[in-house]
Amino acid sequence: MATTADFRNGMCIEFNNDLYSIVEFQHVKPGKGAAFVRTKLRNLNTGRVIENTFNSGVSVTQARIEKRPHQFLYKDELGYNFMDSETFEQVTLEEKQIQGYEFLKDGQAVDIFFHAETEKALNCELPPFVELMVTYTEPGMKGDTATRTLKPATLETGATINVPLFVDQDTLIKVDTRTGEYSERVK
């Protein structure tokens, strides 16, 4: 058991008979009345974010979540298939369980979170940055690095993101998987 004083971002709790991860929290001590904790919770099964207010000092059940390294194998009609890097067991996840699924390429290393008691796969987390090849984009202008004008580019995974004008086709770039934005060219 944990209390609201133990809250931290990323902590997993059991709430309303479901598993939630704390996205953000704020301790509030008003001038009049009792203190409370305002939270944003992400449902680990559906991905939906809800807001909830807990009275200060309330006990909550902390869920045991394990992070295990996996490798992306392929996508089929059942979902995305991954292999455990240590036991070589395979697990299939739905698209909604993978944050940044459009940046997955074959052989990509990822972390999959499992509920320790039920051994159920909850969600998949890609590395913060991945290197991807630009397969198509309009020709750029040499030396146009001063402005922050962007153009669409299609990546090797099929995802489309906006890149600066100087990025050409067959250029290796680094993409932020959390925001889906261009980060830099890879030399």
N, C-alpha and C. Protein backbone atom coordinates (compact mmCIF):
# COMPACT_ATOMS: atom_id res chain seq x y z
N MET A 1 0.83 -1.19 0.00
CA MET A 1 0.00 0.00 0.00
C MET A 1 0.87 1.24 0.00
N ALA A 2 0.41 2.23 -0.71
CA ALA A 2 1.09 3.51 -0.77
C ALA A 2 0.07 4.60 -0.45
N THR A 3 0.57 5.77 -0.13
CA THR A 3 -0.32 6.90 0.13
C THR A 3 -0.07 7.95 -0.94
N THR A 4 -0.87 9.01 -0.88
CA THR A 4 -0.73 10.08 -1.87
C THR A 4 0.61 10.79 -1.74
N ALA A 5 1.27 10.68 -0.60
CA ALA A 5 2.59 11.28 -0.42
C ALA A 5 3.65 10.54 -1.24
N ASP A 6 3.37 9.28 -1.63
CA ASP A 6 4.30 8.48 -2.42
C ASP A 6 4.13 8.67 -3.92
N PHE A 7 3.14 9.46 -4.35
CA PHE A 7 2.88 9.63 -5.78
C PHE A 7 4.11 10.20 -6.49
N ARG A 8 4.36 9.68 -7.68
CA ARG A 8 5.39 10.21 -8.57
C ARG A 8 4.97 9.89 -10.00
N ASN A 9 5.47 10.64 -10.96
CA ASN A 9 5.12 10.40 -12.35
C ASN A 9 5.60 9.02 -12.78
N GLY A 10 4.73 8.29 -13.47
CA GLY A 10 5.07 6.95 -13.93
C GLY A 10 4.68 5.85 -12.97
N MET A 11 4.30 6.20 -11.76
CA MET A 11 3.88 5.19 -10.77
C MET A 11 2.59 4.54 -11.23
N CYS A 12 2.48 3.22 -11.06
CA CYS A 12 1.28 2.48 -11.46
C CYS A 12 0.47 2.12 -10.23
N ILE A 13 -0.84 2.40 -10.30
CA ILE A 13 -1.72 2.11 -9.18
C ILE A 13 -2.96 1.36 -9.67
N GLU A 14 -3.61 0.65 -8.74
CA GLU A 14 -4.90 0.03 -9.02
C GLU A 14 -5.97 1.01 -8.55
N PHE A 15 -6.85 1.38 -9.49
CA PHE A 15 -7.88 2.39 -9.20
C PHE A 15 -9.14 2.00 -9.97
N ASN A 16 -10.28 1.94 -9.32
CA ASN A 16 -11.55 1.55 -9.94
C ASN A 16 -11.44 0.21 -10.67
N ASN A 17 -10.80 -0.76 -10.04
CA ASN A 17 -10.64 -2.12 -10.59
C ASN A 17 -9.92 -2.15 -11.93
N ASP A 18 -9.00 -1.22 -12.14
CA ASP A 18 -8.21 -1.18 -13.37
C ASP A 18 -6.81 -0.65 -13.03
N LEU A 19 -5.89 -0.78 -13.97
CA LEU A 19 -4.52 -0.31 -13.76
C LEU A 19 -4.33 1.05 -14.41
N TYR A 20 -3.74 1.98 -13.65
CA TYR A 20 -3.50 3.33 -14.14
C TYR A 20 -2.06 3.74 -13.86
N SER A 21 -1.52 4.55 -14.74
CA SER A 21 -0.20 5.13 -14.56
C SER A 21 -0.39 6.62 -14.29
N ILE A 22 0.34 7.17 -13.33
CA ILE A 22 0.22 8.59 -13.01
C ILE A 22 1.00 9.40 -14.04
N VAL A 23 0.27 10.21 -14.82
CA VAL A 23 0.90 11.05 -15.84
C VAL A 23 1.46 12.31 -15.19
N GLU A 24 0.64 12.94 -14.35
CA GLU A 24 1.11 14.09 -13.57
C GLU A 24 0.26 14.23 -12.33
N PHE A 25 0.85 14.86 -11.32
CA PHE A 25 0.12 15.06 -10.07
C PHE A 25 0.54 16.39 -9.47
N GLN A 26 -0.33 16.92 -8.60
CA GLN A 26 -0.04 18.19 -7.95
C GLN A 26 -0.65 18.18 -6.55
N HIS A 27 0.19 18.39 -5.54
CA HIS A 27 -0.31 18.52 -4.17
C HIS A 27 -0.85 19.93 -4.01
N VAL A 28 -2.07 20.05 -3.49
CA VAL A 28 -2.70 21.36 -3.31
C VAL A 28 -3.08 21.51 -1.85
N LYS A 29 -2.64 22.61 -1.25
CA LYS A 29 -3.00 22.91 0.14
C LYS A 29 -3.69 24.26 0.13
N PRO A 30 -5.02 24.24 0.05
CA PRO A 30 -5.74 25.52 0.04
C PRO A 30 -5.67 26.20 1.41
N GLY A 31 -5.95 27.47 1.44
CA GLY A 31 -5.91 28.23 2.69
C GLY A 31 -6.95 27.73 3.68
N LYS A 32 -8.07 27.26 3.16
CA LYS A 32 -9.14 26.77 4.00
C LYS A 32 -9.47 25.35 3.58
N GLY A 33 -9.58 24.44 4.50
CA GLY A 33 -9.94 23.07 4.16
C GLY A 33 -8.73 22.15 4.14
N ALA A 34 -8.99 20.89 3.84
CA ALA A 34 -7.94 19.87 3.84
C ALA A 34 -7.16 19.87 2.53
N ALA A 35 -5.92 19.40 2.60
CA ALA A 35 -5.08 19.28 1.41
C ALA A 35 -5.58 18.13 0.54
N PHE A 36 -5.28 18.20 -0.75
CA PHE A 36 -5.66 17.14 -1.68
C PHE A 36 -4.62 17.03 -2.79
N VAL A 37 -4.72 15.95 -3.56
CA VAL A 37 -3.79 15.71 -4.67
C VAL A 37 -4.61 15.60 -5.95
N ARG A 38 -4.31 16.49 -6.91
CA ARG A 38 -4.98 16.49 -8.21
C ARG A 38 -4.09 15.67 -9.16
N THR A 39 -4.67 14.68 -9.86
CA THR A 39 -3.87 13.80 -10.72
C THR A 39 -4.48 13.66 -12.12
N LYS A 40 -3.60 13.29 -13.06
CA LYS A 40 -4.02 12.82 -14.38
C LYS A 40 -3.52 11.39 -14.46
N LEU A 41 -4.44 10.47 -14.74
CA LEU A 41 -4.13 9.05 -14.76
C LEU A 41 -4.38 8.47 -16.15
N ARG A 42 -3.43 7.67 -16.65
CA ARG A 42 -3.59 7.00 -17.94
C ARG A 42 -3.95 5.54 -17.70
N ASN A 43 -5.07 5.11 -18.27
CA ASN A 43 -5.49 3.72 -18.17
C ASN A 43 -4.53 2.87 -18.99
N LEU A 44 -3.90 1.87 -18.37
CA LEU A 44 -2.90 1.07 -19.05
C LEU A 44 -3.51 0.08 -20.04
N ASN A 45 -4.81 -0.16 -19.95
CA ASN A 45 -5.46 -1.08 -20.89
C ASN A 45 -6.02 -0.35 -22.11
N THR A 46 -6.59 0.83 -21.90
CA THR A 46 -7.22 1.55 -23.01
C THR A 46 -6.40 2.75 -23.49
N GLY A 47 -5.50 3.26 -22.65
CA GLY A 47 -4.71 4.43 -23.03
C GLY A 47 -5.41 5.75 -22.76
N ARG A 48 -6.65 5.71 -22.29
CA ARG A 48 -7.43 6.91 -22.02
C ARG A 48 -6.90 7.62 -20.77
N VAL A 49 -6.86 8.96 -20.82
CA VAL A 49 -6.38 9.75 -19.69
C VAL A 49 -7.59 10.36 -18.97
N ILE A 50 -7.62 10.17 -17.65
CA ILE A 50 -8.70 10.75 -16.84
C ILE A 50 -8.08 11.63 -15.76
N GLU A 51 -8.88 12.53 -15.22
CA GLU A 51 -8.44 13.35 -14.10
C GLU A 51 -9.16 12.87 -12.84
N ASN A 52 -8.43 12.85 -11.72
CA ASN A 52 -9.05 12.45 -10.46
C ASN A 52 -8.39 13.22 -9.32
N THR A 53 -9.17 13.48 -8.28
CA THR A 53 -8.67 14.17 -7.10
C THR A 53 -8.73 13.21 -5.91
N PHE A 54 -7.59 13.05 -5.23
CA PHE A 54 -7.50 12.21 -4.04
C PHE A 54 -7.35 13.11 -2.82
N ASN A 55 -8.00 12.76 -1.71
CA ASN A 55 -7.75 13.46 -0.46
C ASN A 55 -6.33 13.13 0.00
N SER A 56 -5.67 14.07 0.62
CA SER A 56 -4.30 13.86 1.07
C SER A 56 -4.24 12.76 2.11
N GLY A 57 -3.27 11.85 1.96
CA GLY A 57 -3.08 10.77 2.92
C GLY A 57 -3.88 9.51 2.63
N VAL A 58 -4.67 9.49 1.57
CA VAL A 58 -5.47 8.32 1.23
C VAL A 58 -4.54 7.19 0.76
N SER A 59 -4.85 5.96 1.16
CA SER A 59 -4.06 4.81 0.74
C SER A 59 -4.53 4.30 -0.62
N VAL A 60 -3.58 3.95 -1.47
CA VAL A 60 -3.87 3.36 -2.77
C VAL A 60 -3.03 2.10 -2.92
N THR A 61 -3.49 1.18 -3.75
CA THR A 61 -2.75 -0.05 -3.99
C THR A 61 -1.82 0.17 -5.15
N GLN A 62 -0.54 -0.03 -4.91
CA GLN A 62 0.46 0.15 -5.96
C GLN A 62 0.58 -1.15 -6.75
N ALA A 63 0.53 -1.05 -8.06
CA ALA A 63 0.63 -2.24 -8.92
C ALA A 63 2.09 -2.50 -9.26
N ARG A 64 2.47 -3.77 -9.29
CA ARG A 64 3.83 -4.13 -9.68
C ARG A 64 3.89 -4.31 -11.18
N ILE A 65 4.68 -3.47 -11.82
CA ILE A 65 4.83 -3.49 -13.27
C ILE A 65 6.28 -3.82 -13.59
N GLU A 66 6.50 -4.75 -14.53
CA GLU A 66 7.85 -5.12 -14.93
C GLU A 66 8.09 -4.66 -16.36
N LYS A 67 9.28 -4.11 -16.59
CA LYS A 67 9.68 -3.68 -17.93
C LYS A 67 10.66 -4.71 -18.48
N ARG A 68 10.32 -5.28 -19.64
CA ARG A 68 11.18 -6.31 -20.24
C ARG A 68 11.58 -5.92 -21.66
N PRO A 69 12.85 -6.16 -22.02
CA PRO A 69 13.30 -5.82 -23.38
C PRO A 69 12.75 -6.81 -24.40
N HIS A 70 12.26 -6.28 -25.51
CA HIS A 70 11.73 -7.08 -26.60
C HIS A 70 12.26 -6.54 -27.93
N GLN A 71 12.05 -7.32 -28.98
CA GLN A 71 12.45 -6.92 -30.32
C GLN A 71 11.23 -7.05 -31.23
N PHE A 72 10.98 -6.01 -32.05
CA PHE A 72 9.84 -6.04 -32.96
C PHE A 72 10.16 -6.98 -34.11
N LEU A 73 9.24 -7.91 -34.40
CA LEU A 73 9.45 -8.88 -35.48
C LEU A 73 8.69 -8.50 -36.74
N TYR A 74 7.36 -8.44 -36.65
CA TYR A 74 6.55 -8.15 -37.83
C TYR A 74 5.13 -7.77 -37.41
N LYS A 75 4.37 -7.27 -38.38
CA LYS A 75 2.97 -6.92 -38.16
C LYS A 75 2.12 -7.82 -39.05
N ASP A 76 1.04 -8.37 -38.49
CA ASP A 76 0.09 -9.15 -39.27
C ASP A 76 -1.33 -8.74 -38.89
N GLU A 77 -2.33 -9.53 -39.32
CA GLU A 77 -3.73 -9.16 -39.05
C GLU A 77 -4.09 -9.24 -37.58
N LEU A 78 -3.31 -9.97 -36.77
CA LEU A 78 -3.57 -10.08 -35.33
C LEU A 78 -2.99 -8.91 -34.54
N GLY A 79 -1.99 -8.25 -35.09
CA GLY A 79 -1.36 -7.12 -34.41
C GLY A 79 0.13 -7.09 -34.64
N TYR A 80 0.84 -6.47 -33.69
CA TYR A 80 2.29 -6.32 -33.77
C TYR A 80 2.94 -7.42 -32.94
N ASN A 81 3.87 -8.14 -33.52
CA ASN A 81 4.51 -9.29 -32.87
C ASN A 81 5.91 -8.93 -32.39
N PHE A 82 6.19 -9.26 -31.13
CA PHE A 82 7.46 -8.98 -30.50
C PHE A 82 8.04 -10.26 -29.92
N MET A 83 9.38 -10.29 -29.79
CA MET A 83 10.06 -11.43 -29.20
C MET A 83 10.85 -10.95 -27.98
N ASP A 84 10.70 -11.69 -26.87
CA ASP A 84 11.45 -11.39 -25.66
C ASP A 84 12.93 -11.62 -25.95
N SER A 85 13.77 -10.65 -25.63
CA SER A 85 15.21 -10.73 -25.93
C SER A 85 15.94 -11.75 -25.07
N GLU A 86 15.34 -12.19 -23.95
CA GLU A 86 16.01 -13.13 -23.06
C GLU A 86 15.43 -14.54 -23.17
N THR A 87 14.10 -14.68 -23.22
CA THR A 87 13.48 -16.01 -23.23
C THR A 87 13.04 -16.44 -24.63
N PHE A 88 13.05 -15.54 -25.60
CA PHE A 88 12.65 -15.78 -26.99
C PHE A 88 11.17 -16.13 -27.14
N GLU A 89 10.36 -15.84 -26.11
CA GLU A 89 8.92 -16.02 -26.22
C GLU A 89 8.34 -14.85 -27.01
N GLN A 90 7.25 -15.12 -27.73
CA GLN A 90 6.64 -14.08 -28.55
C GLN A 90 5.36 -13.57 -27.91
N VAL A 91 5.08 -12.29 -28.11
CA VAL A 91 3.87 -11.66 -27.59
C VAL A 91 3.32 -10.76 -28.70
N THR A 92 1.98 -10.69 -28.81
CA THR A 92 1.32 -9.86 -29.81
C THR A 92 0.57 -8.74 -29.10
N LEU A 93 0.77 -7.51 -29.59
CA LEU A 93 0.11 -6.34 -29.02
C LEU A 93 -0.75 -5.66 -30.07
N GLU A 94 -1.81 -4.99 -29.61
CA GLU A 94 -2.65 -4.21 -30.50
C GLU A 94 -2.01 -2.84 -30.73
N GLU A 95 -2.45 -2.17 -31.79
CA GLU A 95 -1.90 -0.86 -32.16
C GLU A 95 -2.07 0.17 -31.05
N LYS A 96 -3.20 0.13 -30.33
CA LYS A 96 -3.47 1.12 -29.28
C LYS A 96 -2.55 0.95 -28.07
N GLN A 97 -1.88 -0.21 -27.94
CA GLN A 97 -0.98 -0.45 -26.81
C GLN A 97 0.44 0.05 -27.09
N ILE A 98 0.70 0.53 -28.30
CA ILE A 98 2.05 0.93 -28.68
C ILE A 98 2.07 2.43 -28.96
N GLN A 99 2.83 3.15 -28.15
CA GLN A 99 2.95 4.58 -28.36
C GLN A 99 4.02 4.82 -29.42
N GLY A 100 3.64 5.44 -30.55
CA GLY A 100 4.58 5.70 -31.63
C GLY A 100 4.75 4.50 -32.56
N TYR A 101 3.68 3.71 -32.73
CA TYR A 101 3.76 2.49 -33.55
C TYR A 101 4.17 2.78 -35.00
N GLU A 102 3.90 3.99 -35.48
CA GLU A 102 4.25 4.32 -36.88
C GLU A 102 5.76 4.42 -37.10
N PHE A 103 6.55 4.42 -36.03
CA PHE A 103 8.01 4.49 -36.17
C PHE A 103 8.69 3.16 -35.92
N LEU A 104 7.92 2.06 -35.81
CA LEU A 104 8.48 0.73 -35.60
C LEU A 104 9.03 0.18 -36.90
N LYS A 105 10.26 -0.32 -36.88
CA LYS A 105 10.81 -1.02 -38.04
C LYS A 105 11.31 -2.38 -37.58
N ASP A 106 11.43 -3.31 -38.51
CA ASP A 106 11.84 -4.68 -38.17
C ASP A 106 13.15 -4.68 -37.39
N GLY A 107 13.18 -5.45 -36.30
CA GLY A 107 14.38 -5.57 -35.48
C GLY A 107 14.52 -4.48 -34.43
N GLN A 108 13.58 -3.56 -34.35
CA GLN A 108 13.64 -2.44 -33.40
C GLN A 108 13.57 -2.95 -31.96
N ALA A 109 14.45 -2.47 -31.11
CA ALA A 109 14.44 -2.82 -29.69
C ALA A 109 13.43 -1.92 -28.98
N VAL A 110 12.55 -2.53 -28.16
CA VAL A 110 11.53 -1.80 -27.42
C VAL A 110 11.45 -2.36 -26.00
N ASP A 111 10.73 -1.66 -25.14
CA ASP A 111 10.44 -2.16 -23.79
C ASP A 111 8.95 -2.39 -23.69
N ILE A 112 8.55 -3.59 -23.22
CA ILE A 112 7.14 -3.90 -23.02
C ILE A 112 6.90 -4.03 -21.52
N PHE A 113 5.83 -3.39 -21.05
CA PHE A 113 5.48 -3.39 -19.64
C PHE A 113 4.45 -4.49 -19.37
N PHE A 114 4.71 -5.30 -18.33
CA PHE A 114 3.84 -6.40 -17.95
C PHE A 114 3.35 -6.20 -16.53
N HIS A 115 2.08 -6.56 -16.27
CA HIS A 115 1.55 -6.59 -14.91
C HIS A 115 2.13 -7.84 -14.26
N ALA A 116 2.84 -7.68 -13.15
CA ALA A 116 3.60 -8.78 -12.54
C ALA A 116 2.71 -9.92 -12.06
N GLU A 117 1.52 -9.63 -11.53
CA GLU A 117 0.67 -10.68 -10.99
C GLU A 117 -0.01 -11.50 -12.09
N THR A 118 -0.46 -10.84 -13.16
CA THR A 118 -1.22 -11.53 -14.20
C THR A 118 -0.39 -11.88 -15.43
N GLU A 119 0.82 -11.35 -15.52
CA GLU A 119 1.70 -11.55 -16.69
C GLU A 119 1.06 -11.04 -17.97
N LYS A 120 0.18 -10.05 -17.86
CA LYS A 120 -0.49 -9.48 -19.02
C LYS A 120 0.35 -8.33 -19.58
N ALA A 121 0.56 -8.32 -20.89
CA ALA A 121 1.28 -7.22 -21.55
C ALA A 121 0.38 -5.99 -21.55
N LEU A 122 0.89 -4.88 -21.02
CA LEU A 122 0.08 -3.67 -20.90
C LEU A 122 0.32 -2.70 -22.04
N ASN A 123 1.57 -2.30 -22.23
CA ASN A 123 1.87 -1.38 -23.32
C ASN A 123 3.33 -1.49 -23.72
N CYS A 124 3.66 -0.84 -24.81
CA CYS A 124 4.99 -0.91 -25.40
C CYS A 124 5.56 0.50 -25.52
N GLU A 125 6.82 0.64 -25.19
CA GLU A 125 7.48 1.95 -25.24
C GLU A 125 8.69 1.87 -26.15
N LEU A 126 8.73 2.72 -27.17
CA LEU A 126 9.87 2.79 -28.06
C LEU A 126 10.97 3.62 -27.42
N PRO A 127 12.21 3.51 -27.92
CA PRO A 127 13.26 4.41 -27.42
C PRO A 127 12.87 5.86 -27.72
N PRO A 128 13.40 6.83 -27.00
CA PRO A 128 13.00 8.23 -27.23
C PRO A 128 13.28 8.71 -28.65
N PHE A 129 14.38 8.23 -29.25
CA PHE A 129 14.73 8.64 -30.60
C PHE A 129 15.05 7.41 -31.44
N VAL A 130 14.59 7.40 -32.70
CA VAL A 130 14.93 6.34 -33.64
C VAL A 130 15.50 6.96 -34.91
N GLU A 131 16.38 6.21 -35.56
CA GLU A 131 16.96 6.67 -36.82
C GLU A 131 16.23 6.00 -37.97
N LEU A 132 15.66 6.82 -38.88
CA LEU A 132 14.88 6.32 -40.00
C LEU A 132 15.33 6.99 -41.29
N MET A 133 15.20 6.26 -42.40
CA MET A 133 15.56 6.77 -43.71
C MET A 133 14.36 7.46 -44.34
N VAL A 134 14.59 8.61 -45.00
CA VAL A 134 13.55 9.31 -45.74
C VAL A 134 13.43 8.63 -47.10
N THR A 135 12.25 8.07 -47.40
CA THR A 135 12.07 7.38 -48.68
C THR A 135 11.53 8.30 -49.77
N TYR A 136 10.78 9.35 -49.37
CA TYR A 136 10.30 10.29 -50.37
C TYR A 136 10.09 11.66 -49.74
N THR A 137 10.56 12.67 -50.44
CA THR A 137 10.28 14.06 -50.10
C THR A 137 10.56 14.91 -51.33
N GLU A 138 9.95 16.07 -51.40
CA GLU A 138 10.21 16.98 -52.52
C GLU A 138 11.66 17.44 -52.45
N PRO A 139 12.28 17.73 -53.59
CA PRO A 139 13.68 18.19 -53.57
C PRO A 139 13.83 19.46 -52.75
N GLY A 140 14.91 19.53 -52.01
CA GLY A 140 15.17 20.69 -51.15
C GLY A 140 16.07 21.69 -51.83
N MET A 141 16.32 22.79 -51.14
CA MET A 141 17.20 23.82 -51.66
C MET A 141 18.49 23.81 -50.85
N LYS A 142 19.60 23.74 -51.53
CA LYS A 142 20.90 23.70 -50.86
C LYS A 142 21.14 25.01 -50.12
N GLY A 143 21.60 24.91 -48.91
CA GLY A 143 21.93 26.09 -48.12
C GLY A 143 20.75 26.72 -47.42
N ASP A 144 19.55 26.18 -47.56
CA ASP A 144 18.38 26.77 -46.92
C ASP A 144 18.24 26.21 -45.51
N THR A 145 19.10 26.69 -44.61
CA THR A 145 19.05 26.24 -43.23
C THR A 145 18.69 27.36 -42.26
N ALA A 146 18.54 28.57 -42.78
CA ALA A 146 18.29 29.72 -41.91
C ALA A 146 16.84 29.79 -41.45
N THR A 147 15.90 29.41 -42.32
CA THR A 147 14.49 29.49 -41.93
C THR A 147 14.03 28.18 -41.34
N ARG A 148 12.94 28.22 -40.63
CA ARG A 148 12.39 27.02 -40.01
C ARG A 148 11.16 26.55 -40.80
N THR A 149 11.25 26.62 -42.13
CA THR A 149 10.17 26.16 -42.98
C THR A 149 10.24 24.64 -43.11
N LEU A 150 9.09 23.99 -43.04
CA LEU A 150 9.06 22.53 -43.06
C LEU A 150 8.32 22.02 -44.29
N LYS A 151 8.63 20.77 -44.69
CA LYS A 151 7.95 20.11 -45.80
C LYS A 151 7.67 18.67 -45.37
N PRO A 152 6.65 18.02 -45.96
CA PRO A 152 6.35 16.63 -45.58
C PRO A 152 7.38 15.65 -46.16
N ALA A 153 7.65 14.59 -45.40
CA ALA A 153 8.57 13.54 -45.85
C ALA A 153 8.01 12.20 -45.40
N THR A 154 8.12 11.19 -46.28
CA THR A 154 7.69 9.84 -45.96
C THR A 154 8.91 9.04 -45.52
N LEU A 155 8.78 8.32 -44.40
CA LEU A 155 9.88 7.55 -43.85
C LEU A 155 9.78 6.09 -44.27
N GLU A 156 10.83 5.32 -43.99
CA GLU A 156 10.87 3.91 -44.39
C GLU A 156 9.78 3.07 -43.76
N THR A 157 9.20 3.52 -42.64
CA THR A 157 8.12 2.78 -41.99
C THR A 157 6.75 3.14 -42.56
N GLY A 158 6.70 4.15 -43.43
CA GLY A 158 5.44 4.60 -44.01
C GLY A 158 4.87 5.82 -43.32
N ALA A 159 5.45 6.22 -42.20
CA ALA A 159 4.99 7.40 -41.47
C ALA A 159 5.37 8.67 -42.23
N THR A 160 4.56 9.71 -42.10
CA THR A 160 4.84 11.00 -42.72
C THR A 160 5.04 12.03 -41.62
N ILE A 161 6.18 12.73 -41.67
CA ILE A 161 6.46 13.79 -40.70
C ILE A 161 6.93 15.02 -41.46
N ASN A 162 7.00 16.15 -40.78
CA ASN A 162 7.51 17.38 -41.38
C ASN A 162 9.00 17.51 -41.07
N VAL A 163 9.78 17.84 -42.13
CA VAL A 163 11.23 17.99 -42.00
C VAL A 163 11.64 19.33 -42.59
N PRO A 164 12.82 19.85 -42.23
CA PRO A 164 13.31 21.10 -42.82
C PRO A 164 13.56 20.95 -44.33
N LEU A 165 13.62 22.07 -45.03
CA LEU A 165 13.77 22.07 -46.49
C LEU A 165 15.05 21.42 -46.98
N PHE A 166 16.13 21.43 -46.18
CA PHE A 166 17.40 20.89 -46.65
C PHE A 166 17.49 19.37 -46.60
N VAL A 167 16.51 18.69 -46.01
CA VAL A 167 16.51 17.22 -45.94
C VAL A 167 16.05 16.67 -47.28
N ASP A 168 16.84 15.77 -47.86
CA ASP A 168 16.53 15.16 -49.15
C ASP A 168 16.14 13.71 -49.00
N GLN A 169 15.73 13.12 -50.11
CA GLN A 169 15.41 11.70 -50.15
C GLN A 169 16.67 10.90 -49.86
N ASP A 170 16.53 9.72 -49.25
CA ASP A 170 17.63 8.83 -48.85
C ASP A 170 18.55 9.45 -47.80
N THR A 171 18.01 10.35 -46.99
CA THR A 171 18.75 10.94 -45.88
C THR A 171 18.33 10.22 -44.60
N LEU A 172 19.31 9.89 -43.76
CA LEU A 172 19.03 9.25 -42.48
C LEU A 172 18.79 10.35 -41.45
N ILE A 173 17.62 10.31 -40.79
CA ILE A 173 17.28 11.34 -39.82
C ILE A 173 16.92 10.70 -38.48
N LYS A 174 16.97 11.50 -37.43
CA LYS A 174 16.58 11.06 -36.09
C LYS A 174 15.21 11.66 -35.79
N VAL A 175 14.27 10.79 -35.34
CA VAL A 175 12.89 11.20 -35.07
C VAL A 175 12.59 10.98 -33.60
N ASP A 176 11.94 11.96 -32.96
CA ASP A 176 11.50 11.85 -31.58
C ASP A 176 10.20 11.04 -31.56
N THR A 177 10.22 9.84 -30.97
CA THR A 177 9.05 8.96 -30.99
C THR A 177 7.94 9.44 -30.07
N ARG A 178 8.26 10.29 -29.09
CA ARG A 178 7.23 10.77 -28.16
C ARG A 178 6.36 11.83 -28.80
N THR A 179 6.95 12.68 -29.65
CA THR A 179 6.20 13.77 -30.27
C THR A 179 5.97 13.54 -31.76
N GLY A 180 6.74 12.65 -32.39
CA GLY A 180 6.62 12.41 -33.82
C GLY A 180 7.23 13.51 -34.66
N GLU A 181 8.21 14.21 -34.10
CA GLU A 181 8.83 15.33 -34.80
C GLU A 181 10.27 15.02 -35.20
N TYR A 182 10.71 15.71 -36.26
CA TYR A 182 12.09 15.63 -36.72
C TYR A 182 13.02 16.17 -35.64
N SER A 183 14.15 15.50 -35.41
CA SER A 183 15.10 15.97 -34.42
C SER A 183 16.37 16.49 -35.07
N GLU A 184 17.04 15.64 -35.89
CA GLU A 184 18.27 16.06 -36.56
C GLU A 184 18.64 15.07 -37.64
N ARG A 185 19.57 15.48 -38.51
CA ARG A 185 20.14 14.57 -39.51
C ARG A 185 21.20 13.70 -38.84
N VAL A 186 21.31 12.47 -39.30
CA VAL A 186 22.34 11.57 -38.78
C VAL A 186 23.51 11.61 -39.76
N LYS A 187 24.69 11.87 -39.26
CA LYS A 187 25.88 11.96 -40.12
C LYS A 187 26.42 10.59 -40.41
